[in-house]
């Protein structure tokens, strides 16, 4: 009986000791551990699962092709799968809206393209409250310069100066891929600053516009460098000018509009990466580093150049400033669209 009592007492003491040892939370910070260090550790572990990269345009387009060239290299930098999801429609705003409804945890990102990103909220009929401040801008990927081209056997214009002088006195039709698109703005910019009489003709895409120009139904192809490199090599097109401050590597013999006629008209498409507002700065910095390394990978640079696409890795606040400059340009022309 005494032995049984002694054994019971030992058990009670053991249980009490165990409870006393476990009464403190095992995750409580030590007295010398900075507050929030666990959160920092979690951020340092990012990413832990696949990342979704939304492309707000159809598969096979320039943005989609660039994304799919980039993601295999990006996956190696981040150590997790990066899944491209196409969400076309609404001038890009189907995908942008999905991005903005996602958690700002770094696991849902998207390409943002101009001018559609901006015209999508500047246009009052869209009734959108979102704007550039609704996003966290990570890094740009592509700066695709606007060009002015005609079919190769068009005898009227041997250079862009002749085209401009002709268009000041005669109406010329120019391709566009939607009201308020970058190509549409190119015609509006020329009319405003040069006094030309360009009439925009809307098409569903550049391939349709190219067919119409080559068939002689439309006078001018307004497009981007990446869309004219191959037709030019095949002898179908004559590229007259680049709408950028400097010439581009893919078209070294093609002058800028400023060189040719003394007026600096910039027209280009920005294609970069953004997340929803509120992302942690440490996660943004990690993404910037990974994207930049992937974009500057020699194999990626060569493949993009072969497609006629110029890589531009402007990031963070400077990336947003690029977009704000574009926004200013859209606002200067919106009255011409009845906005």
C-alpha atoms as a PDB file:
ATOM      1  CA  UNK A   1       0.000   0.000   0.000  1.00  0.00           C
ATOM      2  CA  UNK A   2       2.838   2.396   0.860  1.00  0.00           C
ATOM      3  CA  UNK A   3       4.547   1.507  -2.411  1.00  0.00           C
ATOM      4  CA  UNK A   4       1.357   2.276  -4.349  1.00  0.00           C
ATOM      5  CA  UNK A   5       1.019   5.650  -2.595  1.00  0.00           C
ATOM      6  CA  UNK A   6       4.636   6.517  -3.315  1.00  0.00           C
ATOM      7  CA  UNK A   7       4.229   5.608  -6.995  1.00  0.00           C
ATOM      8  CA  UNK A   8       1.100   7.802  -7.264  1.00  0.00           C
ATOM      9  CA  UNK A   9       2.882  10.750  -5.714  1.00  0.00           C
ATOM     10  CA  UNK A  10       5.727  10.418  -8.186  1.00  0.00           C
ATOM     11  CA  UNK A  11       3.230  10.403 -11.074  1.00  0.00           C
ATOM     12  CA  UNK A  12       1.526  13.557  -9.790  1.00  0.00           C
ATOM     13  CA  UNK A  13       4.850  15.332  -9.439  1.00  0.00           C
ATOM     14  CA  UNK A  14       5.885  14.245 -12.940  1.00  0.00           C
ATOM     15  CA  UNK A  15       2.634  15.498 -14.498  1.00  0.00           C
ATOM     16  CA  UNK A  16       2.942  18.796 -12.624  1.00  0.00           C
ATOM     17  CA  UNK A  17       6.494  19.211 -13.828  1.00  0.00           C
ATOM     18  CA  UNK A  18       5.432  18.440 -17.406  1.00  0.00           C
ATOM     19  CA  UNK A  19       2.601  20.991 -17.273  1.00  0.00           C
ATOM     20  CA  UNK A  20       4.949  23.579 -15.829  1.00  0.00           C
ATOM     21  CA  UNK A  21       7.455  22.979 -18.610  1.00  0.00           C
ATOM     22  CA  UNK A  22       4.844  23.336 -21.348  1.00  0.00           C
ATOM     23  CA  UNK A  23       2.924  26.292 -19.924  1.00  0.00           C
ATOM     24  CA  UNK A  24       5.027  28.738 -21.999  1.00  0.00           C
ATOM     25  CA  UNK A  25       4.231  29.017 -25.714  1.00  0.00           C
ATOM     26  CA  UNK A  26       6.927  27.344 -27.807  1.00  0.00           C
ATOM     27  CA  UNK A  27       6.641  30.164 -30.386  1.00  0.00           C
ATOM     28  CA  UNK A  28       6.978  33.030 -27.930  1.00  0.00           C
ATOM     29  CA  UNK A  29       9.931  35.230 -28.935  1.00  0.00           C
ATOM     30  CA  UNK A  30      13.013  35.234 -26.792  1.00  0.00           C
ATOM     31  CA  UNK A  31      13.744  38.374 -24.831  1.00  0.00           C
ATOM     32  CA  UNK A  32      16.522  39.291 -27.266  1.00  0.00           C
ATOM     33  CA  UNK A  33      14.550  38.318 -30.448  1.00  0.00           C
ATOM     34  CA  UNK A  34      13.238  41.289 -32.434  1.00  0.00           C
ATOM     35  CA  UNK A  35       9.458  41.606 -32.680  1.00  0.00           C
ATOM     36  CA  UNK A  36       8.289  40.482 -36.131  1.00  0.00           C
ATOM     37  CA  UNK A  37      11.305  38.262 -36.783  1.00  0.00           C
ATOM     38  CA  UNK A  38       9.017  35.312 -37.505  1.00  0.00           C
ATOM     39  CA  UNK A  39       7.189  37.319 -40.159  1.00  0.00           C
ATOM     40  CA  UNK A  40      10.559  38.199 -41.655  1.00  0.00           C
ATOM     41  CA  UNK A  41      11.521  34.541 -41.706  1.00  0.00           C
ATOM     42  CA  UNK A  42       8.296  33.746 -43.539  1.00  0.00           C
ATOM     43  CA  UNK A  43       9.055  36.412 -46.142  1.00  0.00           C
ATOM     44  CA  UNK A  44      12.577  35.068 -46.528  1.00  0.00           C
ATOM     45  CA  UNK A  45      11.064  31.667 -47.367  1.00  0.00           C
ATOM     46  CA  UNK A  46       9.020  33.121 -50.244  1.00  0.00           C
ATOM     47  CA  UNK A  47       8.110  31.562 -52.594  1.00  0.00           C
ATOM     48  CA  UNK A  48       6.868  28.216 -51.271  1.00  0.00           C
ATOM     49  CA  UNK A  49       4.292  27.347 -53.948  1.00  0.00           C
ATOM     50  CA  UNK A  50       3.586  27.948 -57.650  1.00  0.00           C
ATOM     51  CA  UNK A  51       3.148  31.525 -58.868  1.00  0.00           C
ATOM     52  CA  UNK A  52       0.404  32.447 -61.338  1.00  0.00           C
ATOM     53  CA  UNK A  53       1.412  34.908 -64.058  1.00  0.00           C
ATOM     54  CA  UNK A  54      -1.644  36.308 -65.830  1.00  0.00           C
ATOM     55  CA  UNK A  55      -1.329  37.309 -69.484  1.00  0.00           C
ATOM     56  CA  UNK A  56      -4.373  39.416 -70.314  1.00  0.00           C
ATOM     57  CA  UNK A  57      -4.245  38.546 -74.001  1.00  0.00           C
ATOM     58  CA  UNK A  58      -4.732  35.461 -76.159  1.00  0.00           C
ATOM     59  CA  UNK A  59      -2.141  32.729 -76.483  1.00  0.00           C
ATOM     60  CA  UNK A  60       0.280  33.227 -79.368  1.00  0.00           C
ATOM     61  CA  UNK A  61       0.438  37.021 -79.177  1.00  0.00           C
ATOM     62  CA  UNK A  62       3.582  39.017 -78.475  1.00  0.00           C
ATOM     63  CA  UNK A  63       2.990  39.285 -74.726  1.00  0.00           C
ATOM     64  CA  UNK A  64       2.187  35.589 -74.415  1.00  0.00           C
ATOM     65  CA  UNK A  65       5.240  34.498 -76.415  1.00  0.00           C
ATOM     66  CA  UNK A  66       7.537  36.733 -74.374  1.00  0.00           C
ATOM     67  CA  UNK A  67       6.080  35.393 -71.127  1.00  0.00           C
ATOM     68  CA  UNK A  68       6.522  31.775 -72.174  1.00  0.00           C
ATOM     69  CA  UNK A  69      10.129  32.408 -73.189  1.00  0.00           C
ATOM     70  CA  UNK A  70      10.800  33.998 -69.808  1.00  0.00           C
ATOM     71  CA  UNK A  71       9.045  31.686 -67.340  1.00  0.00           C
ATOM     72  CA  UNK A  72      11.290  28.586 -67.666  1.00  0.00           C
ATOM     73  CA  UNK A  73      14.295  30.731 -66.742  1.00  0.00           C
ATOM     74  CA  UNK A  74      12.338  32.531 -64.017  1.00  0.00           C
ATOM     75  CA  UNK A  75      11.366  29.201 -62.455  1.00  0.00           C
ATOM     76  CA  UNK A  76      15.042  28.337 -62.000  1.00  0.00           C
ATOM     77  CA  UNK A  77      15.655  31.681 -60.284  1.00  0.00           C
ATOM     78  CA  UNK A  78      12.669  31.344 -57.918  1.00  0.00           C
ATOM     79  CA  UNK A  79      12.721  27.589 -57.380  1.00  0.00           C
ATOM     80  CA  UNK A  80       8.968  27.132 -57.961  1.00  0.00           C
ATOM     81  CA  UNK A  81       6.725  26.700 -61.017  1.00  0.00           C
ATOM     82  CA  UNK A  82       5.470  29.884 -62.705  1.00  0.00           C
ATOM     83  CA  UNK A  83       2.181  29.154 -64.479  1.00  0.00           C
ATOM     84  CA  UNK A  84       1.084  31.407 -67.356  1.00  0.00           C
ATOM     85  CA  UNK A  85      -2.695  31.890 -67.495  1.00  0.00           C
ATOM     86  CA  UNK A  86      -4.270  33.649 -70.473  1.00  0.00           C
ATOM     87  CA  UNK A  87      -7.215  35.892 -69.576  1.00  0.00           C
ATOM     88  CA  UNK A  88      -8.022  37.798 -72.793  1.00  0.00           C
ATOM     89  CA  UNK A  89     -10.753  40.393 -73.202  1.00  0.00           C
ATOM     90  CA  UNK A  90     -11.738  43.923 -72.303  1.00  0.00           C
ATOM     91  CA  UNK A  91      -8.556  45.450 -73.690  1.00  0.00           C
ATOM     92  CA  UNK A  92      -6.634  43.586 -71.001  1.00  0.00           C
ATOM     93  CA  UNK A  93      -8.957  44.477 -68.144  1.00  0.00           C
ATOM     94  CA  UNK A  94     -10.380  40.970 -67.699  1.00  0.00           C
ATOM     95  CA  UNK A  95      -6.934  39.916 -66.528  1.00  0.00           C
ATOM     96  CA  UNK A  96      -6.140  43.160 -64.682  1.00  0.00           C
ATOM     97  CA  UNK A  97      -9.382  42.896 -62.703  1.00  0.00           C
ATOM     98  CA  UNK A  98      -8.544  39.337 -61.702  1.00  0.00           C
ATOM     99  CA  UNK A  99      -5.103  40.480 -60.567  1.00  0.00           C
ATOM    100  CA  UNK A 100      -6.547  43.269 -58.418  1.00  0.00           C
ATOM    101  CA  UNK A 101      -8.957  40.859 -56.720  1.00  0.00           C
ATOM    102  CA  UNK A 102      -6.084  38.547 -55.685  1.00  0.00           C
ATOM    103  CA  UNK A 103      -4.236  38.626 -52.370  1.00  0.00           C
ATOM    104  CA  UNK A 104      -1.093  40.806 -52.485  1.00  0.00           C
ATOM    105  CA  UNK A 105       1.045  37.881 -51.356  1.00  0.00           C
ATOM    106  CA  UNK A 106       3.245  37.571 -54.434  1.00  0.00           C
ATOM    107  CA  UNK A 107       1.577  34.426 -55.755  1.00  0.00           C
ATOM    108  CA  UNK A 108      -0.576  36.178 -58.368  1.00  0.00           C
ATOM    109  CA  UNK A 109       1.161  38.517 -60.816  1.00  0.00           C
ATOM    110  CA  UNK A 110       0.256  39.810 -64.263  1.00  0.00           C
ATOM    111  CA  UNK A 111       1.625  41.452 -67.353  1.00  0.00           C
ATOM    112  CA  UNK A 112       0.348  45.013 -67.726  1.00  0.00           C
ATOM    113  CA  UNK A 113       0.376  46.511 -71.224  1.00  0.00           C
ATOM    114  CA  UNK A 114       0.046  50.070 -72.416  1.00  0.00           C
ATOM    115  CA  UNK A 115      -1.863  51.940 -73.543  1.00  0.00           C
ATOM    116  CA  UNK A 116      -4.740  49.546 -72.772  1.00  0.00           C
ATOM    117  CA  UNK A 117      -3.960  49.556 -69.060  1.00  0.00           C
ATOM    118  CA  UNK A 118      -4.395  53.338 -69.022  1.00  0.00           C
ATOM    119  CA  UNK A 119      -7.165  53.853 -71.581  1.00  0.00           C
ATOM    120  CA  UNK A 120      -9.164  51.257 -69.638  1.00  0.00           C
ATOM    121  CA  UNK A 121      -9.710  53.733 -66.805  1.00  0.00           C
ATOM    122  CA  UNK A 122      -9.204  57.094 -68.569  1.00  0.00           C
ATOM    123  CA  UNK A 123     -12.145  56.279 -70.856  1.00  0.00           C
ATOM    124  CA  UNK A 124     -15.145  57.554 -68.837  1.00  0.00           C
ATOM    125  CA  UNK A 125     -17.521  55.029 -70.370  1.00  0.00           C
ATOM    126  CA  UNK A 126     -15.569  52.249 -68.635  1.00  0.00           C
ATOM    127  CA  UNK A 127     -16.556  53.722 -65.243  1.00  0.00           C
ATOM    128  CA  UNK A 128     -13.531  52.247 -63.492  1.00  0.00           C
ATOM    129  CA  UNK A 129     -12.213  53.557 -60.189  1.00  0.00           C
ATOM    130  CA  UNK A 130      -8.882  51.756 -60.549  1.00  0.00           C
ATOM    131  CA  UNK A 131      -5.772  53.578 -61.749  1.00  0.00           C
ATOM    132  CA  UNK A 132      -1.992  53.237 -61.571  1.00  0.00           C
ATOM    133  CA  UNK A 133      -2.116  53.525 -57.779  1.00  0.00           C
ATOM    134  CA  UNK A 134      -4.106  50.282 -57.647  1.00  0.00           C
ATOM    135  CA  UNK A 135      -1.007  48.252 -58.592  1.00  0.00           C
ATOM    136  CA  UNK A 136       2.459  47.489 -57.258  1.00  0.00           C
ATOM    137  CA  UNK A 137       4.761  47.695 -60.280  1.00  0.00           C
ATOM    138  CA  UNK A 138       7.600  45.184 -60.148  1.00  0.00           C
ATOM    139  CA  UNK A 139       9.649  45.371 -63.346  1.00  0.00           C
ATOM    140  CA  UNK A 140       9.170  46.072 -67.035  1.00  0.00           C
ATOM    141  CA  UNK A 141       9.982  43.388 -69.595  1.00  0.00           C
ATOM    142  CA  UNK A 142       9.501  44.782 -73.110  1.00  0.00           C
ATOM    143  CA  UNK A 143       9.565  48.208 -74.721  1.00  0.00           C
ATOM    144  CA  UNK A 144       8.210  47.634 -78.230  1.00  0.00           C
ATOM    145  CA  UNK A 145       8.680  50.740 -80.391  1.00  0.00           C
ATOM    146  CA  UNK A 146       6.004  51.977 -82.762  1.00  0.00           C
ATOM    147  CA  UNK A 147       6.816  52.074 -86.484  1.00  0.00           C
ATOM    148  CA  UNK A 148       5.368  53.551 -89.672  1.00  0.00           C
ATOM    149  CA  UNK A 149       5.438  51.181 -92.634  1.00  0.00           C
ATOM    150  CA  UNK A 150       4.013  50.862 -96.151  1.00  0.00           C
ATOM    151  CA  UNK A 151       3.989  48.002 -98.606  1.00  0.00           C
ATOM    152  CA  UNK A 152       7.344  47.499-100.256  1.00  0.00           C
ATOM    153  CA  UNK A 153       6.202  48.415-103.783  1.00  0.00           C
ATOM    154  CA  UNK A 154       4.396  51.633-102.780  1.00  0.00           C
ATOM    155  CA  UNK A 155       5.980  54.127-105.205  1.00  0.00           C
ATOM    156  CA  UNK A 156       4.490  57.214-103.563  1.00  0.00           C
ATOM    157  CA  UNK A 157       6.823  57.282-100.557  1.00  0.00           C
ATOM    158  CA  UNK A 158      10.506  56.415-100.488  1.00  0.00           C
ATOM    159  CA  UNK A 159      10.889  57.918 -96.987  1.00  0.00           C
ATOM    160  CA  UNK A 160       8.748  59.177 -94.124  1.00  0.00           C
ATOM    161  CA  UNK A 161       9.308  62.855 -94.958  1.00  0.00           C
ATOM    162  CA  UNK A 162       7.604  62.331 -98.323  1.00  0.00           C
ATOM    163  CA  UNK A 163       4.756  60.532 -96.594  1.00  0.00           C
ATOM    164  CA  UNK A 164       4.252  63.346 -94.065  1.00  0.00           C
ATOM    165  CA  UNK A 165       4.267  66.050 -96.764  1.00  0.00           C
ATOM    166  CA  UNK A 166       1.763  64.069 -98.833  1.00  0.00           C
ATOM    167  CA  UNK A 167      -0.462  63.422 -95.800  1.00  0.00           C
ATOM    168  CA  UNK A 168      -0.630  67.137 -94.968  1.00  0.00           C
ATOM    169  CA  UNK A 169      -2.525  67.694 -98.223  1.00  0.00           C
ATOM    170  CA  UNK A 170      -4.189  64.332 -98.790  1.00  0.00           C
ATOM    171  CA  UNK A 171      -6.024  61.951 -96.496  1.00  0.00           C
ATOM    172  CA  UNK A 172      -4.280  58.636 -95.937  1.00  0.00           C
ATOM    173  CA  UNK A 173      -5.735  55.606 -94.199  1.00  0.00           C
ATOM    174  CA  UNK A 174      -3.716  54.097 -91.347  1.00  0.00           C
ATOM    175  CA  UNK A 175      -4.239  50.797 -89.578  1.00  0.00           C
ATOM    176  CA  UNK A 176      -5.246  50.604 -85.930  1.00  0.00           C
ATOM    177  CA  UNK A 177      -6.086  47.685 -83.673  1.00  0.00           C
ATOM    178  CA  UNK A 178      -8.873  49.320 -81.674  1.00  0.00           C
ATOM    179  CA  UNK A 179     -10.090  52.752 -80.605  1.00  0.00           C
ATOM    180  CA  UNK A 180      -7.623  54.113 -78.062  1.00  0.00           C
ATOM    181  CA  UNK A 181      -4.985  51.509 -78.926  1.00  0.00           C
ATOM    182  CA  UNK A 182      -1.315  52.408 -79.255  1.00  0.00           C
ATOM    183  CA  UNK A 183      -1.512  52.304 -83.048  1.00  0.00           C
ATOM    184  CA  UNK A 184      -4.573  54.548 -82.986  1.00  0.00           C
ATOM    185  CA  UNK A 185      -2.717  57.043 -80.808  1.00  0.00           C
ATOM    186  CA  UNK A 186       0.173  57.029 -83.301  1.00  0.00           C
ATOM    187  CA  UNK A 187      -2.108  58.455 -86.001  1.00  0.00           C
ATOM    188  CA  UNK A 188      -3.640  60.961 -83.583  1.00  0.00           C
ATOM    189  CA  UNK A 189      -0.201  62.108 -82.447  1.00  0.00           C
ATOM    190  CA  UNK A 190       0.934  62.688 -86.028  1.00  0.00           C
ATOM    191  CA  UNK A 191      -2.236  64.591 -86.918  1.00  0.00           C
ATOM    192  CA  UNK A 192      -1.867  66.796 -83.873  1.00  0.00           C
ATOM    193  CA  UNK A 193       1.853  67.550 -84.104  1.00  0.00           C
ATOM    194  CA  UNK A 194       2.492  67.371 -87.845  1.00  0.00           C
ATOM    195  CA  UNK A 195      -0.830  68.435 -89.319  1.00  0.00           C
ATOM    196  CA  UNK A 196      -1.291  65.212 -91.275  1.00  0.00           C
ATOM    197  CA  UNK A 197      -4.665  63.848 -92.340  1.00  0.00           C
ATOM    198  CA  UNK A 198      -4.452  60.248 -91.201  1.00  0.00           C
ATOM    199  CA  UNK A 199      -7.721  58.346 -90.887  1.00  0.00           C
ATOM    200  CA  UNK A 200      -7.604  55.357 -88.569  1.00  0.00           C
ATOM    201  CA  UNK A 201      -9.070  52.093 -89.850  1.00  0.00           C
ATOM    202  CA  UNK A 202      -9.776  49.614 -87.065  1.00  0.00           C
ATOM    203  CA  UNK A 203      -8.765  45.954 -87.299  1.00  0.00           C
ATOM    204  CA  UNK A 204      -8.929  43.012 -84.931  1.00  0.00           C
ATOM    205  CA  UNK A 205      -5.158  42.579 -84.936  1.00  0.00           C
ATOM    206  CA  UNK A 206      -1.922  43.309 -86.762  1.00  0.00           C
ATOM    207  CA  UNK A 207      -2.073  40.249 -89.028  1.00  0.00           C
ATOM    208  CA  UNK A 208      -5.427  41.418 -90.392  1.00  0.00           C
ATOM    209  CA  UNK A 209      -4.105  44.968 -90.802  1.00  0.00           C
ATOM    210  CA  UNK A 210      -0.961  43.724 -92.569  1.00  0.00           C
ATOM    211  CA  UNK A 211      -3.046  41.773 -95.079  1.00  0.00           C
ATOM    212  CA  UNK A 212      -5.089  44.878 -95.838  1.00  0.00           C
ATOM    213  CA  UNK A 213      -1.994  47.069 -96.311  1.00  0.00           C
ATOM    214  CA  UNK A 214      -0.294  44.508 -98.563  1.00  0.00           C
ATOM    215  CA  UNK A 215      -3.511  44.273-100.576  1.00  0.00           C
ATOM    216  CA  UNK A 216      -3.524  48.025-101.143  1.00  0.00           C
ATOM    217  CA  UNK A 217      -6.731  48.627 -99.176  1.00  0.00           C
ATOM    218  CA  UNK A 218      -5.040  50.698 -96.438  1.00  0.00           C
ATOM    219  CA  UNK A 219      -2.156  53.115 -97.029  1.00  0.00           C
ATOM    220  CA  UNK A 220      -0.096  52.876 -93.839  1.00  0.00           C
ATOM    221  CA  UNK A 221       0.652  50.118 -91.368  1.00  0.00           C
ATOM    222  CA  UNK A 222       0.954  51.457 -87.831  1.00  0.00           C
ATOM    223  CA  UNK A 223       2.571  48.647 -85.851  1.00  0.00           C
ATOM    224  CA  UNK A 224       5.362  47.708 -83.465  1.00  0.00           C
ATOM    225  CA  UNK A 225       8.909  46.606 -84.229  1.00  0.00           C
ATOM    226  CA  UNK A 226       8.207  43.021 -83.212  1.00  0.00           C
ATOM    227  CA  UNK A 227       5.382  42.844 -85.759  1.00  0.00           C
ATOM    228  CA  UNK A 228       7.260  44.131 -88.823  1.00  0.00           C
ATOM    229  CA  UNK A 229      10.712  42.527 -88.622  1.00  0.00           C
ATOM    230  CA  UNK A 230       9.740  39.329 -90.458  1.00  0.00           C
ATOM    231  CA  UNK A 231       7.507  40.957 -93.150  1.00  0.00           C
ATOM    232  CA  UNK A 232      10.333  43.422 -93.825  1.00  0.00           C
ATOM    233  CA  UNK A 233      12.903  40.607 -94.161  1.00  0.00           C
ATOM    234  CA  UNK A 234      10.547  38.851 -96.584  1.00  0.00           C
ATOM    235  CA  UNK A 235      10.374  41.974 -98.743  1.00  0.00           C
ATOM    236  CA  UNK A 236       6.712  42.688 -98.063  1.00  0.00           C
ATOM    237  CA  UNK A 237       7.088  45.929 -96.127  1.00  0.00           C
ATOM    238  CA  UNK A 238       9.098  49.121 -96.253  1.00  0.00           C
ATOM    239  CA  UNK A 239       9.568  50.511 -92.722  1.00  0.00           C
ATOM    240  CA  UNK A 240       9.887  54.302 -92.943  1.00  0.00           C
ATOM    241  CA  UNK A 241      10.332  55.468 -89.357  1.00  0.00           C
ATOM    242  CA  UNK A 242      10.588  54.458 -85.719  1.00  0.00           C
ATOM    243  CA  UNK A 243       8.556  56.441 -83.196  1.00  0.00           C
ATOM    244  CA  UNK A 244      11.170  56.539 -80.430  1.00  0.00           C
ATOM    245  CA  UNK A 245      13.949  58.971 -79.384  1.00  0.00           C
ATOM    246  CA  UNK A 246      16.612  56.552 -80.678  1.00  0.00           C
ATOM    247  CA  UNK A 247      16.904  53.944 -83.402  1.00  0.00           C
ATOM    248  CA  UNK A 248      16.309  50.334 -82.435  1.00  0.00           C
ATOM    249  CA  UNK A 249      18.814  47.453 -82.862  1.00  0.00           C
ATOM    250  CA  UNK A 250      16.488  45.401 -85.075  1.00  0.00           C
ATOM    251  CA  UNK A 251      16.107  48.277 -87.579  1.00  0.00           C
ATOM    252  CA  UNK A 252      19.458  50.095 -87.508  1.00  0.00           C
ATOM    253  CA  UNK A 253      18.925  51.746 -90.911  1.00  0.00           C
ATOM    254  CA  UNK A 254      15.448  53.077 -90.129  1.00  0.00           C
ATOM    255  CA  UNK A 255      15.473  56.671 -88.845  1.00  0.00           C
ATOM    256  CA  UNK A 256      13.439  57.990 -85.962  1.00  0.00           C
ATOM    257  CA  UNK A 257      10.590  60.334 -86.805  1.00  0.00           C
ATOM    258  CA  UNK A 258      12.529  63.085 -85.073  1.00  0.00           C
ATOM    259  CA  UNK A 259      15.563  62.504 -87.304  1.00  0.00           C
ATOM    260  CA  UNK A 260      13.423  62.565 -90.426  1.00  0.00           C
ATOM    261  CA  UNK A 261      11.015  65.450 -89.812  1.00  0.00           C
ATOM    262  CA  UNK A 262      12.282  67.171 -86.658  1.00  0.00           C
ATOM    263  CA  UNK A 263       9.328  66.288 -84.429  1.00  0.00           C
ATOM    264  CA  UNK A 264       9.772  63.931 -81.486  1.00  0.00           C
ATOM    265  CA  UNK A 265       6.703  61.707 -81.366  1.00  0.00           C
ATOM    266  CA  UNK A 266       7.083  58.698 -79.081  1.00  0.00           C
ATOM    267  CA  UNK A 267       4.812  55.718 -79.477  1.00  0.00           C
ATOM    268  CA  UNK A 268       5.567  52.342 -77.932  1.00  0.00           C
ATOM    269  CA  UNK A 269       4.065  49.459 -76.041  1.00  0.00           C
ATOM    270  CA  UNK A 270       5.154  48.764 -72.471  1.00  0.00           C
ATOM    271  CA  UNK A 271       4.795  45.165 -71.264  1.00  0.00           C
ATOM    272  CA  UNK A 272       5.774  44.692 -67.647  1.00  0.00           C
ATOM    273  CA  UNK A 273       4.981  42.797 -64.480  1.00  0.00           C
ATOM    274  CA  UNK A 274       2.752  44.037 -61.657  1.00  0.00           C
ATOM    275  CA  UNK A 275       0.978  42.764 -58.579  1.00  0.00           C
ATOM    276  CA  UNK A 276      -2.009  44.010 -56.603  1.00  0.00           C
ATOM    277  CA  UNK A 277      -1.388  46.964 -54.287  1.00  0.00           C
ATOM    278  CA  UNK A 278      -0.081  46.099 -50.833  1.00  0.00           C
ATOM    279  CA  UNK A 279       2.693  43.611 -51.578  1.00  0.00           C
ATOM    280  CA  UNK A 280       5.452  43.279 -49.012  1.00  0.00           C
ATOM    281  CA  UNK A 281       8.551  45.250 -50.113  1.00  0.00           C
ATOM    282  CA  UNK A 282      10.826  42.290 -49.339  1.00  0.00           C
ATOM    283  CA  UNK A 283       8.808  40.052 -51.655  1.00  0.00           C
ATOM    284  CA  UNK A 284       8.797  42.723 -54.349  1.00  0.00           C
ATOM    285  CA  UNK A 285      12.585  43.041 -54.064  1.00  0.00           C
ATOM    286  CA  UNK A 286      13.009  39.268 -54.348  1.00  0.00           C
ATOM    287  CA  UNK A 287      10.806  39.185 -57.440  1.00  0.00           C
ATOM    288  CA  UNK A 288      12.658  42.098 -59.006  1.00  0.00           C
ATOM    289  CA  UNK A 289      15.976  40.356 -58.578  1.00  0.00           C
ATOM    290  CA  UNK A 290      14.675  37.080 -60.035  1.00  0.00           C
ATOM    291  CA  UNK A 291      12.902  38.704 -62.993  1.00  0.00           C
ATOM    292  CA  UNK A 292      15.882  40.885 -63.837  1.00  0.00           C
ATOM    293  CA  UNK A 293      18.284  37.921 -63.817  1.00  0.00           C
ATOM    294  CA  UNK A 294      15.909  35.900 -65.988  1.00  0.00           C
ATOM    295  CA  UNK A 295      15.366  38.753 -68.447  1.00  0.00           C
ATOM    296  CA  UNK A 296      19.107  39.324 -68.822  1.00  0.00           C
ATOM    297  CA  UNK A 297      19.836  35.643 -69.393  1.00  0.00           C
ATOM    298  CA  UNK A 298      21.794  35.550 -72.700  1.00  0.00           C
ATOM    299  CA  UNK A 299      19.568  32.861 -74.199  1.00  0.00           C
ATOM    300  CA  UNK A 300      16.442  34.879 -73.383  1.00  0.00           C
ATOM    301  CA  UNK A 301      17.950  38.084 -74.766  1.00  0.00           C
ATOM    302  CA  UNK A 302      18.811  36.381 -78.067  1.00  0.00           C
ATOM    303  CA  UNK A 303      15.392  34.775 -78.495  1.00  0.00           C
ATOM    304  CA  UNK A 304      13.606  38.029 -77.735  1.00  0.00           C
ATOM    305  CA  UNK A 305      15.844  39.942 -80.141  1.00  0.00           C
ATOM    306  CA  UNK A 306      15.160  37.371 -82.863  1.00  0.00           C
ATOM    307  CA  UNK A 307      11.464  38.131 -82.367  1.00  0.00           C
ATOM    308  CA  UNK A 308      12.145  41.856 -82.690  1.00  0.00           C
ATOM    309  CA  UNK A 309      11.430  42.533 -79.013  1.00  0.00           C
ATOM    310  CA  UNK A 310      13.627  44.889 -76.988  1.00  0.00           C
ATOM    311  CA  UNK A 311      14.097  44.044 -73.308  1.00  0.00           C
ATOM    312  CA  UNK A 312      13.824  46.896 -70.806  1.00  0.00           C
ATOM    313  CA  UNK A 313      14.227  46.110 -67.092  1.00  0.00           C
ATOM    314  CA  UNK A 314      13.131  49.424 -65.580  1.00  0.00           C
ATOM    315  CA  UNK A 315      11.714  48.549 -62.164  1.00  0.00           C
ATOM    316  CA  UNK A 316       9.769  49.818 -59.168  1.00  0.00           C
ATOM    317  CA  UNK A 317       9.222  53.564 -58.919  1.00  0.00           C
ATOM    318  CA  UNK A 318      10.990  54.220 -62.228  1.00  0.00           C
ATOM    319  CA  UNK A 319       8.706  51.722 -63.951  1.00  0.00           C
ATOM    320  CA  UNK A 320       5.683  53.570 -62.547  1.00  0.00           C
ATOM    321  CA  UNK A 321       7.113  56.890 -63.811  1.00  0.00           C
ATOM    322  CA  UNK A 322       7.233  55.405 -67.333  1.00  0.00           C
ATOM    323  CA  UNK A 323       3.561  54.557 -67.022  1.00  0.00           C
ATOM    324  CA  UNK A 324       2.705  57.985 -65.624  1.00  0.00           C
ATOM    325  CA  UNK A 325       4.361  59.556 -68.668  1.00  0.00           C
ATOM    326  CA  UNK A 326       2.193  57.361 -70.877  1.00  0.00           C
ATOM    327  CA  UNK A 327      -0.867  58.384 -68.862  1.00  0.00           C
ATOM    328  CA  UNK A 328      -0.056  62.052 -69.507  1.00  0.00           C
ATOM    329  CA  UNK A 329       0.109  61.355 -73.246  1.00  0.00           C
ATOM    330  CA  UNK A 330      -3.268  59.595 -73.210  1.00  0.00           C
ATOM    331  CA  UNK A 331      -4.868  62.471 -71.322  1.00  0.00           C
ATOM    332  CA  UNK A 332      -3.507  64.963 -73.873  1.00  0.00           C
ATOM    333  CA  UNK A 333      -5.253  63.081 -76.688  1.00  0.00           C
ATOM    334  CA  UNK A 334      -8.434  61.893 -75.008  1.00  0.00           C
ATOM    335  CA  UNK A 335     -10.473  64.862 -76.257  1.00  0.00           C
ATOM    336  CA  UNK A 336      -9.820  63.655 -79.815  1.00  0.00           C
ATOM    337  CA  UNK A 337     -11.626  60.453 -78.867  1.00  0.00           C
ATOM    338  CA  UNK A 338     -14.577  62.280 -77.336  1.00  0.00           C
ATOM    339  CA  UNK A 339     -13.491  61.446 -73.802  1.00  0.00           C
END
